Amino acid sequence: MKTRQLANILIKILGLSIVVHGIPSIISAIFYVVRSNKSYGSPGLSDYWAFPITSVLLLAIGAYLMVKSRDIAAYLFKDEE
């Protein structure tokens, strides 16, 4: 197995790991926002929306790594053939 192929597989696994860890984080963040809005009675956008936004951003980064792993590996090992 070439270095570029191994890097491609490892980047895909890293992206999948980030996505798998991001899904429970998003669910937890949504419950946190709903619970905090009920408790404090503050309708609309509050300070508690930063947690779900960062969770979605983490999920997007993981998906990007899975989709673009071949391009990332090619960029990292562009001198190897």
C-alpha atoms as a PDB file:
ATOM      1  CA  MET A   1       0.000   0.000   0.000  1.00  0.00           C
ATOM      2  CA  LYS A   2       1.370   3.381  -0.972  1.00  0.00           C
ATOM      3  CA  THR A   3       1.690   6.261   1.450  1.00  0.00           C
ATOM      4  CA  ARG A   4      -0.910   8.325  -0.375  1.00  0.00           C
ATOM      5  CA  GLN A   5      -3.462   5.502  -0.232  1.00  0.00           C
ATOM      6  CA  LEU A   6      -2.844   4.976   3.469  1.00  0.00           C
ATOM      7  CA  ALA A   7      -3.205   8.704   4.122  1.00  0.00           C
ATOM      8  CA  ASN A   8      -6.469   8.710   2.150  1.00  0.00           C
ATOM      9  CA  ILE A   9      -7.881   5.902   4.289  1.00  0.00           C
ATOM     10  CA  LEU A  10      -6.715   7.460   7.557  1.00  0.00           C
ATOM     11  CA  ILE A  11      -8.192  10.859   6.642  1.00  0.00           C
ATOM     12  CA  LYS A  12     -11.513   9.170   5.827  1.00  0.00           C
ATOM     13  CA  ILE A  13     -11.445   7.384   9.199  1.00  0.00           C
ATOM     14  CA  LEU A  14     -10.665  10.669  10.952  1.00  0.00           C
ATOM     15  CA  GLY A  15     -13.600  12.355   9.198  1.00  0.00           C
ATOM     16  CA  LEU A  16     -15.918   9.488  10.084  1.00  0.00           C
ATOM     17  CA  SER A  17     -14.803   9.647  13.706  1.00  0.00           C
ATOM     18  CA  ILE A  18     -15.508  13.370  13.850  1.00  0.00           C
ATOM     19  CA  VAL A  19     -18.977  12.853  12.353  1.00  0.00           C
ATOM     20  CA  VAL A  20     -19.809  10.006  14.736  1.00  0.00           C
ATOM     21  CA  HIS A  21     -18.737  12.100  17.731  1.00  0.00           C
ATOM     22  CA  GLY A  22     -20.555  15.153  16.396  1.00  0.00           C
ATOM     23  CA  ILE A  23     -24.016  13.578  16.137  1.00  0.00           C
ATOM     24  CA  PRO A  24     -24.564  13.085  19.896  1.00  0.00           C
ATOM     25  CA  SER A  25     -23.087  16.531  20.473  1.00  0.00           C
ATOM     26  CA  ILE A  26     -25.692  18.093  18.189  1.00  0.00           C
ATOM     27  CA  ILE A  27     -28.524  16.216  19.879  1.00  0.00           C
ATOM     28  CA  SER A  28     -27.248  17.243  23.299  1.00  0.00           C
ATOM     29  CA  ALA A  29     -26.896  20.860  22.184  1.00  0.00           C
ATOM     30  CA  ILE A  30     -30.460  20.982  20.863  1.00  0.00           C
ATOM     31  CA  PHE A  31     -31.819  19.616  24.144  1.00  0.00           C
ATOM     32  CA  TYR A  32     -29.687  22.114  26.047  1.00  0.00           C
ATOM     33  CA  VAL A  33     -31.021  25.063  24.044  1.00  0.00           C
ATOM     34  CA  VAL A  34     -34.637  23.916  24.352  1.00  0.00           C
ATOM     35  CA  ARG A  35     -34.271  23.359  28.096  1.00  0.00           C
ATOM     36  CA  SER A  36     -32.531  26.697  28.685  1.00  0.00           C
ATOM     37  CA  ASN A  37     -35.159  28.603  26.694  1.00  0.00           C
ATOM     38  CA  LYS A  38     -37.935  26.979  28.740  1.00  0.00           C
ATOM     39  CA  SER A  39     -36.160  27.650  32.024  1.00  0.00           C
ATOM     40  CA  TYR A  40     -35.344  31.284  31.454  1.00  0.00           C
ATOM     41  CA  GLY A  41     -38.251  32.149  29.201  1.00  0.00           C
ATOM     42  CA  SER A  42     -36.108  34.005  26.704  1.00  0.00           C
ATOM     43  CA  PRO A  43     -37.696  33.602  23.289  1.00  0.00           C
ATOM     44  CA  GLY A  44     -35.678  33.825  20.125  1.00  0.00           C
ATOM     45  CA  LEU A  45     -31.936  33.766  19.659  1.00  0.00           C
ATOM     46  CA  SER A  46     -29.947  33.671  22.887  1.00  0.00           C
ATOM     47  CA  ASP A  47     -26.378  33.041  23.948  1.00  0.00           C
ATOM     48  CA  TYR A  48     -27.046  29.317  24.139  1.00  0.00           C
ATOM     49  CA  TRP A  49     -27.082  28.919  20.340  1.00  0.00           C
ATOM     50  CA  ALA A  50     -23.274  28.951  20.154  1.00  0.00           C
ATOM     51  CA  PHE A  51     -23.072  25.341  21.343  1.00  0.00           C
ATOM     52  CA  PRO A  52     -25.250  23.841  18.568  1.00  0.00           C
ATOM     53  CA  ILE A  53     -23.553  25.992  15.932  1.00  0.00           C
ATOM     54  CA  THR A  54     -20.112  24.705  16.910  1.00  0.00           C
ATOM     55  CA  SER A  55     -21.446  21.140  16.893  1.00  0.00           C
ATOM     56  CA  VAL A  56     -22.793  21.559  13.360  1.00  0.00           C
ATOM     57  CA  LEU A  57     -19.500  23.128  12.303  1.00  0.00           C
ATOM     58  CA  LEU A  58     -17.635  20.108  13.682  1.00  0.00           C
ATOM     59  CA  LEU A  59     -19.969  17.807  11.756  1.00  0.00           C
ATOM     60  CA  ALA A  60     -19.330  19.787   8.564  1.00  0.00           C
ATOM     61  CA  ILE A  61     -15.567  19.519   9.045  1.00  0.00           C
ATOM     62  CA  GLY A  62     -15.844  15.750   9.441  1.00  0.00           C
ATOM     63  CA  ALA A  63     -17.978  15.442   6.312  1.00  0.00           C
ATOM     64  CA  TYR A  64     -15.512  17.606   4.393  1.00  0.00           C
ATOM     65  CA  LEU A  65     -12.624  15.375   5.464  1.00  0.00           C
ATOM     66  CA  MET A  66     -14.475  12.270   4.307  1.00  0.00           C
ATOM     67  CA  VAL A  67     -15.397  13.731   0.930  1.00  0.00           C
ATOM     68  CA  LYS A  68     -12.097  15.470   0.151  1.00  0.00           C
ATOM     69  CA  SER A  69      -9.709  12.915   1.665  1.00  0.00           C
ATOM     70  CA  ARG A  70      -8.200  12.022  -1.707  1.00  0.00           C
ATOM     71  CA  ASP A  71      -7.434  15.663  -2.508  1.00  0.00           C
ATOM     72  CA  ILE A  72      -5.989  16.274   0.943  1.00  0.00           C
ATOM     73  CA  ALA A  73      -3.752  13.198   0.689  1.00  0.00           C
ATOM     74  CA  ALA A  74      -2.616  14.275  -2.777  1.00  0.00           C
ATOM     75  CA  TYR A  75      -1.757  17.722  -1.417  1.00  0.00           C
ATOM     76  CA  LEU A  76       0.161  16.289   1.538  1.00  0.00           C
ATOM     77  CA  PHE A  77       2.132  13.819  -0.580  1.00  0.00           C
ATOM     78  CA  LYS A  78       2.415  15.690  -3.861  1.00  0.00           C
ATOM     79  CA  ASP A  79       6.098  14.843  -4.289  1.00  0.00           C
ATOM     80  CA  GLU A  80       5.566  11.069  -4.066  1.00  0.00           C
ATOM     81  CA  GLU A  81       4.553   9.061  -7.068  1.00  0.00           C
END
